[in-house]
Amino acid sequence: MEELELQEDIYCFTFFKFIHEYDPSIQKDLLIKCTVTFVFQMSLIYFIFIESGGIRSVVTGNYSLNFSRIICGYLLHYNIIPEIGCALGLMTYVKNNRRNFN
């Protein structure tokens, strides 16, 4: 069996509680908190996108601006890799251990 490494966020905490503790009231509260967190994050992304002017405001830029964008994009994706790995690990665990969940 492969060991699952979790991060410190509400999604992983909820996942941990779903596996180790069967209390419907706690699970319901945590599921609501996860849903509210997800909706809040998506709302922020939407509002930032609208505030910036959407796709019409994208500037093609010159060489130095585009090079800076590439570096920032690389650093962003490099920082997100552990979160993606954690999410993939959670999905694999659920797929392989369906009977552990009620």
PDB file of N, CA and C in Angstrom:
ATOM      1  N   MET A   1       0.835  -1.171   0.000  1.00  0.00           N
ATOM      2  CA  MET A   1       0.000   0.000   0.000  1.00  0.00           C
ATOM      3  C   MET A   1       0.883   1.238   0.000  1.00  0.00           C
ATOM      4  N   GLU A   2       0.502   2.201  -0.772  1.00  0.00           N
ATOM      5  CA  GLU A   2       1.250   3.437  -0.902  1.00  0.00           C
ATOM      6  C   GLU A   2       0.828   4.431   0.178  1.00  0.00           C
ATOM      7  N   GLU A   3       1.802   5.135   0.742  1.00  0.00           N
ATOM      8  CA  GLU A   3       1.504   6.108   1.787  1.00  0.00           C
ATOM      9  C   GLU A   3       1.020   7.408   1.147  1.00  0.00           C
ATOM     10  N   LEU A   4      -0.017   7.974   1.726  1.00  0.00           N
ATOM     11  CA  LEU A   4      -0.617   9.197   1.210  1.00  0.00           C
ATOM     12  C   LEU A   4      -0.121  10.380   2.016  1.00  0.00           C
ATOM     13  N   GLU A   5       0.439  11.380   1.335  1.00  0.00           N
ATOM     14  CA  GLU A   5       0.950  12.571   2.001  1.00  0.00           C
ATOM     15  C   GLU A   5      -0.042  13.707   1.805  1.00  0.00           C
ATOM     16  N   LEU A   6      -0.542  14.247   2.916  1.00  0.00           N
ATOM     17  CA  LEU A   6      -1.546  15.310   2.864  1.00  0.00           C
ATOM     18  C   LEU A   6      -0.920  16.654   3.159  1.00  0.00           C
ATOM     19  N   GLN A   7      -1.565  17.714   2.656  1.00  0.00           N
ATOM     20  CA  GLN A   7      -1.125  19.070   2.943  1.00  0.00           C
ATOM     21  C   GLN A   7      -2.015  19.675   4.022  1.00  0.00           C
ATOM     22  N   GLU A   8      -1.721  20.911   4.385  1.00  0.00           N
ATOM     23  CA  GLU A   8      -2.462  21.582   5.455  1.00  0.00           C
ATOM     24  C   GLU A   8      -3.508  22.511   4.859  1.00  0.00           C
ATOM     25  N   ASP A   9      -4.604  21.951   4.385  1.00  0.00           N
ATOM     26  CA  ASP A   9      -5.702  22.762   3.890  1.00  0.00           C
ATOM     27  C   ASP A   9      -7.021  22.093   4.261  1.00  0.00           C
ATOM     28  N   ILE A  10      -8.113  22.805   4.054  1.00  0.00           N
ATOM     29  CA  ILE A  10      -9.424  22.317   4.477  1.00  0.00           C
ATOM     30  C   ILE A  10      -9.826  21.063   3.706  1.00  0.00           C
ATOM     31  N   TYR A  11      -9.398  20.949   2.462  1.00  0.00           N
ATOM     32  CA  TYR A  11      -9.770  19.797   1.647  1.00  0.00           C
ATOM     33  C   TYR A  11      -9.113  18.514   2.180  1.00  0.00           C
ATOM     34  N   CYS A  12      -7.836  18.588   2.506  1.00  0.00           N
ATOM     35  CA  CYS A  12      -7.138  17.407   3.037  1.00  0.00           C
ATOM     36  C   CYS A  12      -7.627  17.058   4.446  1.00  0.00           C
ATOM     37  N   PHE A  13      -7.917  18.075   5.251  1.00  0.00           N
ATOM     38  CA  PHE A  13      -8.443  17.826   6.592  1.00  0.00           C
ATOM     39  C   PHE A  13      -9.792  17.108   6.518  1.00  0.00           C
ATOM     40  N   THR A  14     -10.648  17.551   5.609  1.00  0.00           N
ATOM     41  CA  THR A  14     -11.949  16.906   5.424  1.00  0.00           C
ATOM     42  C   THR A  14     -11.771  15.476   4.952  1.00  0.00           C
ATOM     43  N   PHE A  15     -10.860  15.265   4.014  1.00  0.00           N
ATOM     44  CA  PHE A  15     -10.575  13.920   3.517  1.00  0.00           C
ATOM     45  C   PHE A  15     -10.134  13.015   4.665  1.00  0.00           C
ATOM     46  N   PHE A  16      -9.244  13.518   5.527  1.00  0.00           N
ATOM     47  CA  PHE A  16      -8.758  12.754   6.667  1.00  0.00           C
ATOM     48  C   PHE A  16      -9.901  12.388   7.615  1.00  0.00           C
ATOM     49  N   LYS A  17     -10.784  13.350   7.898  1.00  0.00           N
ATOM     50  CA  LYS A  17     -11.910  13.093   8.793  1.00  0.00           C
ATOM     51  C   LYS A  17     -12.897  12.098   8.186  1.00  0.00           C
ATOM     52  N   PHE A  18     -13.088  12.129   6.872  1.00  0.00           N
ATOM     53  CA  PHE A  18     -13.982  11.171   6.224  1.00  0.00           C
ATOM     54  C   PHE A  18     -13.453   9.745   6.365  1.00  0.00           C
ATOM     55  N   ILE A  19     -12.140   9.593   6.394  1.00  0.00           N
ATOM     56  CA  ILE A  19     -11.551   8.253   6.500  1.00  0.00           C
ATOM     57  C   ILE A  19     -11.547   7.754   7.947  1.00  0.00           C
ATOM     58  N   HIS A  20     -11.141   8.606   8.884  1.00  0.00           N
ATOM     59  CA  HIS A  20     -10.861   8.144  10.245  1.00  0.00           C
ATOM     60  C   HIS A  20     -11.961   8.350  11.264  1.00  0.00           C
ATOM     61  N   GLU A  21     -12.966   9.122  10.956  1.00  0.00           N
ATOM     62  CA  GLU A  21     -13.988   9.402  11.968  1.00  0.00           C
ATOM     63  C   GLU A  21     -15.353   9.466  11.297  1.00  0.00           C
ATOM     64  N   TYR A  22     -16.248   8.591  11.722  1.00  0.00           N
ATOM     65  CA  TYR A  22     -17.584   8.608  11.145  1.00  0.00           C
ATOM     66  C   TYR A  22     -18.533   9.316  12.100  1.00  0.00           C
ATOM     67  N   ASP A  23     -18.711  10.586  11.867  1.00  0.00           N
ATOM     68  CA  ASP A  23     -19.663  11.398  12.620  1.00  0.00           C
ATOM     69  C   ASP A  23     -20.365  12.289  11.593  1.00  0.00           C
ATOM     70  N   PRO A  24     -21.618  11.968  11.263  1.00  0.00           N
ATOM     71  CA  PRO A  24     -22.309  12.705  10.191  1.00  0.00           C
ATOM     72  C   PRO A  24     -22.361  14.209  10.400  1.00  0.00           C
ATOM     73  N   SER A  25     -22.479  14.667  11.647  1.00  0.00           N
ATOM     74  CA  SER A  25     -22.566  16.115  11.868  1.00  0.00           C
ATOM     75  C   SER A  25     -21.234  16.803  11.545  1.00  0.00           C
ATOM     76  N   ILE A  26     -20.122  16.184  11.954  1.00  0.00           N
ATOM     77  CA  ILE A  26     -18.810  16.756  11.648  1.00  0.00           C
ATOM     78  C   ILE A  26     -18.553  16.707  10.146  1.00  0.00           C
ATOM     79  N   GLN A  27     -18.888  15.587   9.511  1.00  0.00           N
ATOM     80  CA  GLN A  27     -18.672  15.467   8.070  1.00  0.00           C
ATOM     81  C   GLN A  27     -19.512  16.480   7.296  1.00  0.00           C
ATOM     82  N   LYS A  28     -20.731  16.702   7.742  1.00  0.00           N
ATOM     83  CA  LYS A  28     -21.597  17.674   7.076  1.00  0.00           C
ATOM     84  C   LYS A  28     -21.021  19.084   7.216  1.00  0.00           C
ATOM     85  N   ASP A  29     -20.575  19.449   8.420  1.00  0.00           N
ATOM     86  CA  ASP A  29     -19.983  20.771   8.634  1.00  0.00           C
ATOM     87  C   ASP A  29     -18.731  20.964   7.782  1.00  0.00           C
ATOM     88  N   LEU A  30     -17.879  19.949   7.734  1.00  0.00           N
ATOM     89  CA  LEU A  30     -16.661  20.059   6.940  1.00  0.00           C
ATOM     90  C   LEU A  30     -16.963  20.137   5.448  1.00  0.00           C
ATOM     91  N   LEU A  31     -17.948  19.400   5.004  1.00  0.00           N
ATOM     92  CA  LEU A  31     -18.328  19.452   3.590  1.00  0.00           C
ATOM     93  C   LEU A  31     -18.870  20.834   3.226  1.00  0.00           C
ATOM     94  N   ILE A  32     -19.635  21.424   4.115  1.00  0.00           N
ATOM     95  CA  ILE A  32     -20.137  22.790   3.884  1.00  0.00           C
ATOM     96  C   ILE A  32     -18.968  23.774   3.835  1.00  0.00           C
ATOM     97  N   LYS A  33     -18.009  23.624   4.748  1.00  0.00           N
ATOM     98  CA  LYS A  33     -16.848  24.514   4.751  1.00  0.00           C
ATOM     99  C   LYS A  33     -16.032  24.373   3.469  1.00  0.00           C
ATOM    100  N   CYS A  34     -15.864  23.154   2.982  1.00  0.00           N
ATOM    101  CA  CYS A  34     -15.153  22.938   1.714  1.00  0.00           C
ATOM    102  C   CYS A  34     -15.892  23.593   0.555  1.00  0.00           C
ATOM    103  N   THR A  35     -17.208  23.447   0.534  1.00  0.00           N
ATOM    104  CA  THR A  35     -18.009  24.040  -0.534  1.00  0.00           C
ATOM    105  C   THR A  35     -17.929  25.554  -0.499  1.00  0.00           C
ATOM    106  N   VAL A  36     -18.042  26.144   0.678  1.00  0.00           N
ATOM    107  CA  VAL A  36     -17.952  27.602   0.810  1.00  0.00           C
ATOM    108  C   VAL A  36     -16.561  28.091   0.397  1.00  0.00           C
ATOM    109  N   THR A  37     -15.517  27.371   0.792  1.00  0.00           N
ATOM    110  CA  THR A  37     -14.158  27.740   0.407  1.00  0.00           C
ATOM    111  C   THR A  37     -13.988  27.691  -1.102  1.00  0.00           C
ATOM    112  N   PHE A  38     -14.488  26.637  -1.729  1.00  0.00           N
ATOM    113  CA  PHE A  38     -14.373  26.497  -3.182  1.00  0.00           C
ATOM    114  C   PHE A  38     -15.133  27.613  -3.896  1.00  0.00           C
ATOM    115  N   VAL A  39     -16.354  27.898  -3.469  1.00  0.00           N
ATOM    116  CA  VAL A  39     -17.150  28.961  -4.095  1.00  0.00           C
ATOM    117  C   VAL A  39     -16.461  30.316  -3.905  1.00  0.00           C
ATOM    118  N   PHE A  40     -15.918  30.555  -2.727  1.00  0.00           N
ATOM    119  CA  PHE A  40     -15.208  31.810  -2.461  1.00  0.00           C
ATOM    120  C   PHE A  40     -13.987  31.946  -3.369  1.00  0.00           C
ATOM    121  N   GLN A  41     -13.208  30.872  -3.516  1.00  0.00           N
ATOM    122  CA  GLN A  41     -12.028  30.919  -4.380  1.00  0.00           C
ATOM    123  C   GLN A  41     -12.413  31.163  -5.843  1.00  0.00           C
ATOM    124  N   MET A  42     -13.445  30.494  -6.320  1.00  0.00           N
ATOM    125  CA  MET A  42     -13.877  30.692  -7.706  1.00  0.00           C
ATOM    126  C   MET A  42     -14.437  32.099  -7.916  1.00  0.00           C
ATOM    127  N   SER A  43     -15.127  32.638  -6.914  1.00  0.00           N
ATOM    128  CA  SER A  43     -15.652  34.002  -7.012  1.00  0.00           C
ATOM    129  C   SER A  43     -14.517  35.012  -7.099  1.00  0.00           C
ATOM    130  N   LEU A  44     -13.480  34.821  -6.292  1.00  0.00           N
ATOM    131  CA  LEU A  44     -12.334  35.726  -6.355  1.00  0.00           C
ATOM    132  C   LEU A  44     -11.662  35.683  -7.720  1.00  0.00           C
ATOM    133  N   ILE A  45     -11.502  34.494  -8.264  1.00  0.00           N
ATOM    134  CA  ILE A  45     -10.905  34.370  -9.600  1.00  0.00           C
ATOM    135  C   ILE A  45     -11.764  35.090 -10.627  1.00  0.00           C
ATOM    136  N   TYR A  46     -13.069  34.924 -10.549  1.00  0.00           N
ATOM    137  CA  TYR A  46     -13.979  35.572 -11.490  1.00  0.00           C
ATOM    138  C   TYR A  46     -13.896  37.093 -11.368  1.00  0.00           C
ATOM    139  N   PHE A  47     -13.947  37.617 -10.146  1.00  0.00           N
ATOM    140  CA  PHE A  47     -13.920  39.061  -9.953  1.00  0.00           C
ATOM    141  C   PHE A  47     -12.590  39.674 -10.384  1.00  0.00           C
ATOM    142  N   ILE A  48     -11.500  38.980 -10.122  1.00  0.00           N
ATOM    143  CA  ILE A  48     -10.194  39.479 -10.568  1.00  0.00           C
ATOM    144  C   ILE A  48     -10.140  39.503 -12.090  1.00  0.00           C
ATOM    145  N   PHE A  49     -10.674  38.468 -12.727  1.00  0.00           N
ATOM    146  CA  PHE A  49     -10.687  38.400 -14.189  1.00  0.00           C
ATOM    147  C   PHE A  49     -11.521  39.534 -14.772  1.00  0.00           C
ATOM    148  N   ILE A  50     -12.699  39.785 -14.199  1.00  0.00           N
ATOM    149  CA  ILE A  50     -13.574  40.859 -14.686  1.00  0.00           C
ATOM    150  C   ILE A  50     -12.929  42.223 -14.439  1.00  0.00           C
ATOM    151  N   GLU A  51     -12.343  42.412 -13.255  1.00  0.00           N
ATOM    152  CA  GLU A  51     -11.729  43.695 -12.913  1.00  0.00           C
ATOM    153  C   GLU A  51     -10.554  44.021 -13.829  1.00  0.00           C
ATOM    154  N   SER A  52      -9.819  42.996 -14.254  1.00  0.00           N
ATOM    155  CA  SER A  52      -8.657  43.238 -15.102  1.00  0.00           C
ATOM    156  C   SER A  52      -9.044  43.536 -16.549  1.00  0.00           C
ATOM    157  N   GLY A  53     -10.305  43.372 -16.902  1.00  0.00           N
ATOM    158  CA  GLY A  53     -10.746  43.687 -18.254  1.00  0.00           C
ATOM    159  C   GLY A  53     -10.953  42.467 -19.124  1.00  0.00           C
ATOM    160  N   GLY A  54     -10.745  41.301 -18.578  1.00  0.00           N
ATOM    161  CA  GLY A  54     -10.978  40.074 -19.337  1.00  0.00           C
ATOM    162  C   GLY A  54      -9.921  39.834 -20.397  1.00  0.00           C
ATOM    163  N   ILE A  55     -10.283  39.081 -21.392  1.00  0.00           N
ATOM    164  CA  ILE A  55      -9.344  38.686 -22.442  1.00  0.00           C
ATOM    165  C   ILE A  55      -8.976  39.879 -23.320  1.00  0.00           C
ATOM    166  N   ARG A  56      -9.889  40.832 -23.460  1.00  0.00           N
ATOM    167  CA  ARG A  56      -9.624  41.992 -24.313  1.00  0.00           C
ATOM    168  C   ARG A  56      -8.465  42.841 -23.815  1.00  0.00           C
ATOM    169  N   SER A  57      -8.157  42.764 -22.528  1.00  0.00           N
ATOM    170  CA  SER A  57      -7.103  43.618 -21.967  1.00  0.00           C
ATOM    171  C   SER A  57      -5.719  42.976 -22.009  1.00  0.00           C
ATOM    172  N   VAL A  58      -5.587  41.791 -22.587  1.00  0.00           N
ATOM    173  CA  VAL A  58      -4.288  41.126 -22.646  1.00  0.00           C
ATOM    174  C   VAL A  58      -3.408  41.861 -23.656  1.00  0.00           C
ATOM    175  N   VAL A  59      -2.225  42.235 -23.212  1.00  0.00           N
ATOM    176  CA  VAL A  59      -1.276  42.964 -24.055  1.00  0.00           C
ATOM    177  C   VAL A  59      -0.234  41.976 -24.559  1.00  0.00           C
ATOM    178  N   THR A  60       0.043  42.017 -25.857  1.00  0.00           N
ATOM    179  CA  THR A  60       1.031  41.088 -26.404  1.00  0.00           C
ATOM    180  C   THR A  60       2.414  41.383 -25.861  1.00  0.00           C
ATOM    181  N   GLY A  61       2.770  42.628 -25.697  1.00  0.00           N
ATOM    182  CA  GLY A  61       4.020  42.996 -25.048  1.00  0.00           C
ATOM    183  C   GLY A  61       5.238  42.817 -25.924  1.00  0.00           C
ATOM    184  N   ASN A  62       6.363  43.253 -25.372  1.00  0.00           N
ATOM    185  CA  ASN A  62       7.635  43.117 -26.084  1.00  0.00           C
ATOM    186  C   ASN A  62       8.420  41.939 -25.506  1.00  0.00           C
ATOM    187  N   TYR A  63       9.665  41.825 -25.915  1.00  0.00           N
ATOM    188  CA  TYR A  63      10.491  40.686 -25.520  1.00  0.00           C
ATOM    189  C   TYR A  63      10.652  40.583 -24.000  1.00  0.00           C
ATOM    190  N   SER A  64      10.979  41.680 -23.337  1.00  0.00           N
ATOM    191  CA  SER A  64      11.246  41.625 -21.890  1.00  0.00           C
ATOM    192  C   SER A  64       9.963  41.316 -21.104  1.00  0.00           C
ATOM    193  N   LEU A  65       8.824  41.862 -21.518  1.00  0.00           N
ATOM    194  CA  LEU A  65       7.564  41.574 -20.834  1.00  0.00           C
ATOM    195  C   LEU A  65       7.185  40.108 -20.996  1.00  0.00           C
ATOM    196  N   ASN A  66       7.311  39.593 -22.202  1.00  0.00           N
ATOM    197  CA  ASN A  66       6.970  38.181 -22.434  1.00  0.00           C
ATOM    198  C   ASN A  66       7.918  37.243 -21.694  1.00  0.00           C
ATOM    199  N   PHE A  67       9.193  37.594 -21.619  1.00  0.00           N
ATOM    200  CA  PHE A  67      10.149  36.778 -20.874  1.00  0.00           C
ATOM    201  C   PHE A  67       9.797  36.769 -19.386  1.00  0.00           C
ATOM    202  N   SER A  68       9.389  37.937 -18.856  1.00  0.00           N
ATOM    203  CA  SER A  68       8.956  38.009 -17.452  1.00  0.00           C
ATOM    204  C   SER A  68       7.714  37.166 -17.214  1.00  0.00           C
ATOM    205  N   ARG A  69       6.798  37.169 -18.166  1.00  0.00           N
ATOM    206  CA  ARG A  69       5.590  36.338 -18.043  1.00  0.00           C
ATOM    207  C   ARG A  69       5.939  34.855 -18.023  1.00  0.00           C
ATOM    208  N   ILE A  70       6.883  34.449 -18.857  1.00  0.00           N
ATOM    209  CA  ILE A  70       7.291  33.039 -18.882  1.00  0.00           C
ATOM    210  C   ILE A  70       7.898  32.633 -17.543  1.00  0.00           C
ATOM    211  N   ILE A  71       8.760  33.475 -16.996  1.00  0.00           N
ATOM    212  CA  ILE A  71       9.375  33.162 -15.701  1.00  0.00           C
ATOM    213  C   ILE A  71       8.317  33.091 -14.604  1.00  0.00           C
ATOM    214  N   CYS A  72       7.393  34.055 -14.571  1.00  0.00           N
ATOM    215  CA  CYS A  72       6.330  34.044 -13.554  1.00  0.00           C
ATOM    216  C   CYS A  72       5.423  32.827 -13.718  1.00  0.00           C
ATOM    217  N   GLY A  73       5.101  32.471 -14.956  1.00  0.00           N
ATOM    218  CA  GLY A  73       4.283  31.278 -15.202  1.00  0.00           C
ATOM    219  C   GLY A  73       4.982  30.009 -14.740  1.00  0.00           C
ATOM    220  N   TYR A  74       6.285  29.917 -14.995  1.00  0.00           N
ATOM    221  CA  TYR A  74       7.049  28.759 -14.542  1.00  0.00           C
ATOM    222  C   TYR A  74       7.046  28.673 -13.018  1.00  0.00           C
ATOM    223  N   LEU A  75       7.311  29.793 -12.339  1.00  0.00           N
ATOM    224  CA  LEU A  75       7.331  29.791 -10.873  1.00  0.00           C
ATOM    225  C   LEU A  75       5.967  29.457 -10.282  1.00  0.00           C
ATOM    226  N   LEU A  76       4.905  29.971 -10.887  1.00  0.00           N
ATOM    227  CA  LEU A  76       3.554  29.654 -10.423  1.00  0.00           C
ATOM    228  C   LEU A  76       3.290  28.157 -10.517  1.00  0.00           C
ATOM    229  N   HIS A  77       3.580  27.575 -11.662  1.00  0.00           N
ATOM    230  CA  HIS A  77       3.326  26.148 -11.841  1.00  0.00           C
ATOM    231  C   HIS A  77       4.250  25.302 -10.964  1.00  0.00           C
ATOM    232  N   TYR A  78       5.473  25.752 -10.749  1.00  0.00           N
ATOM    233  CA  TYR A  78       6.389  25.028  -9.880  1.00  0.00           C
ATOM    234  C   TYR A  78       5.865  24.992  -8.439  1.00  0.00           C
ATOM    235  N   ASN A  79       5.234  26.068  -7.984  1.00  0.00           N
ATOM    236  CA  ASN A  79       4.673  26.117  -6.630  1.00  0.00           C
ATOM    237  C   ASN A  79       3.391  25.316  -6.510  1.00  0.00           C
ATOM    238  N   ILE A  80       2.678  25.094  -7.595  1.00  0.00           N
ATOM    239  CA  ILE A  80       1.404  24.376  -7.546  1.00  0.00           C
ATOM    240  C   ILE A  80       1.592  22.862  -7.677  1.00  0.00           C
ATOM    241  N   ILE A  81       2.754  22.411  -8.118  1.00  0.00           N
ATOM    242  CA  ILE A  81       2.989  20.975  -8.326  1.00  0.00           C
ATOM    243  C   ILE A  81       2.688  20.138  -7.081  1.00  0.00           C
ATOM    244  N   PRO A  82       3.108  20.526  -5.853  1.00  0.00           N
ATOM    245  CA  PRO A  82       2.772  19.709  -4.678  1.00  0.00           C
ATOM    246  C   PRO A  82       1.260  19.600  -4.437  1.00  0.00           C
ATOM    247  N   GLU A  83       0.514  20.675  -4.684  1.00  0.00           N
ATOM    248  CA  GLU A  83      -0.935  20.626  -4.506  1.00  0.00           C
ATOM    249  C   GLU A  83      -1.586  19.687  -5.518  1.00  0.00           C
ATOM    250  N   ILE A  84      -1.113  19.704  -6.746  1.00  0.00           N
ATOM    251  CA  ILE A  84      -1.651  18.809  -7.766  1.00  0.00           C
ATOM    252  C   ILE A  84      -1.322  17.362  -7.423  1.00  0.00           C
ATOM    253  N   GLY A  85      -0.094  17.131  -6.947  1.00  0.00           N
ATOM    254  CA  GLY A  85       0.289  15.783  -6.538  1.00  0.00           C
ATOM    255  C   GLY A  85      -0.568  15.274  -5.394  1.00  0.00           C
ATOM    256  N   CYS A  86      -0.868  16.150  -4.436  1.00  0.00           N
ATOM    257  CA  CYS A  86      -1.733  15.787  -3.307  1.00  0.00           C
ATOM    258  C   CYS A  86      -3.133  15.452  -3.796  1.00  0.00           C
ATOM    259  N   ALA A  87      -3.680  16.279  -4.688  1.00  0.00           N
ATOM    260  CA  ALA A  87      -5.030  16.028  -5.215  1.00  0.00           C
ATOM    261  C   ALA A  87      -5.085  14.718  -5.985  1.00  0.00           C
ATOM    262  N   LEU A  88      -4.070  14.438  -6.784  1.00  0.00           N
ATOM    263  CA  LEU A  88      -4.030  13.163  -7.515  1.00  0.00           C
ATOM    264  C   LEU A  88      -3.915  11.984  -6.555  1.00  0.00           C
ATOM    265  N   GLY A  89      -3.127  12.161  -5.490  1.00  0.00           N
ATOM    266  CA  GLY A  89      -3.012  11.108  -4.485  1.00  0.00           C
ATOM    267  C   GLY A  89      -4.333  10.844  -3.786  1.00  0.00           C
ATOM    268  N   LEU A  90      -5.077  11.911  -3.462  1.00  0.00           N
ATOM    269  CA  LEU A  90      -6.391  11.745  -2.829  1.00  0.00           C
ATOM    270  C   LEU A  90      -7.351  10.999  -3.749  1.00  0.00           C
ATOM    271  N   MET A  91      -7.370  11.371  -5.026  1.00  0.00           N
ATOM    272  CA  MET A  91      -8.270  10.698  -5.965  1.00  0.00           C
ATOM    273  C   MET A  91      -7.888   9.233  -6.161  1.00  0.00           C
ATOM    274  N   THR A  92      -6.600   8.948  -6.223  1.00  0.00           N
ATOM    275  CA  THR A  92      -6.153   7.556  -6.366  1.00  0.00           C
ATOM    276  C   THR A  92      -6.526   6.745  -5.137  1.00  0.00           C
ATOM    277  N   TYR A  93      -6.355   7.335  -3.954  1.00  0.00           N
ATOM    278  CA  TYR A  93      -6.704   6.636  -2.722  1.00  0.00           C
ATOM    279  C   TYR A  93      -8.197   6.304  -2.685  1.00  0.00           C
ATOM    280  N   VAL A  94      -9.026   7.276  -3.042  1.00  0.00           N
ATOM    281  CA  VAL A  94     -10.473   7.044  -3.048  1.00  0.00           C
ATOM    282  C   VAL A  94     -10.834   5.964  -4.064  1.00  0.00           C
ATOM    283  N   LYS A  95     -10.210   6.005  -5.221  1.00  0.00           N
ATOM    284  CA  LYS A  95     -10.486   5.007  -6.266  1.00  0.00           C
ATOM    285  C   LYS A  95     -10.112   3.600  -5.808  1.00  0.00           C
ATOM    286  N   ASN A  96      -8.990   3.465  -5.131  1.00  0.00           N
ATOM    287  CA  ASN A  96      -8.518   2.147  -4.724  1.00  0.00           C
ATOM    288  C   ASN A  96      -9.098   1.655  -3.402  1.00  0.00           C
ATOM    289  N   ASN A  97      -9.698   2.533  -2.610  1.00  0.00           N
ATOM    290  CA  ASN A  97     -10.208   2.151  -1.292  1.00  0.00           C
ATOM    291  C   ASN A  97     -11.645   2.641  -1.109  1.00  0.00           C
ATOM    292  N   ARG A  98     -12.508   2.285  -2.011  1.00  0.00           N
ATOM    293  CA  ARG A  98     -13.899   2.759  -1.959  1.00  0.00           C
ATOM    294  C   ARG A  98     -14.626   2.278  -0.716  1.00  0.00           C
ATOM    295  N   ARG A  99     -14.269   1.140  -0.184  1.00  0.00           N
ATOM    296  CA  ARG A  99     -15.010   0.573   0.947  1.00  0.00           C
ATOM    297  C   ARG A  99     -14.691   1.269   2.264  1.00  0.00           C
ATOM    298  N   ASN A 100     -13.667   2.129   2.283  1.00  0.00           N
ATOM    299  CA  ASN A 100     -13.326   2.862   3.516  1.00  0.00           C
ATOM    300  C   ASN A 100     -14.259   4.043   3.770  1.00  0.00           C
ATOM    301  N   PHE A 101     -15.110   4.367   2.811  1.00  0.00           N
ATOM    302  CA  PHE A 101     -15.993   5.528   2.928  1.00  0.00           C
ATOM    303  C   PHE A 101     -17.431   5.079   3.052  1.00  0.00           C
ATOM    304  N   ASN A 102     -18.188   5.806   3.845  1.00  0.00           N
ATOM    305  CA  ASN A 102     -19.609   5.490   4.038  1.00  0.00           C
ATOM    306  C   ASN A 102     -20.462   6.429   3.215  1.00  0.00           C
TER     307      ASN A 102
END
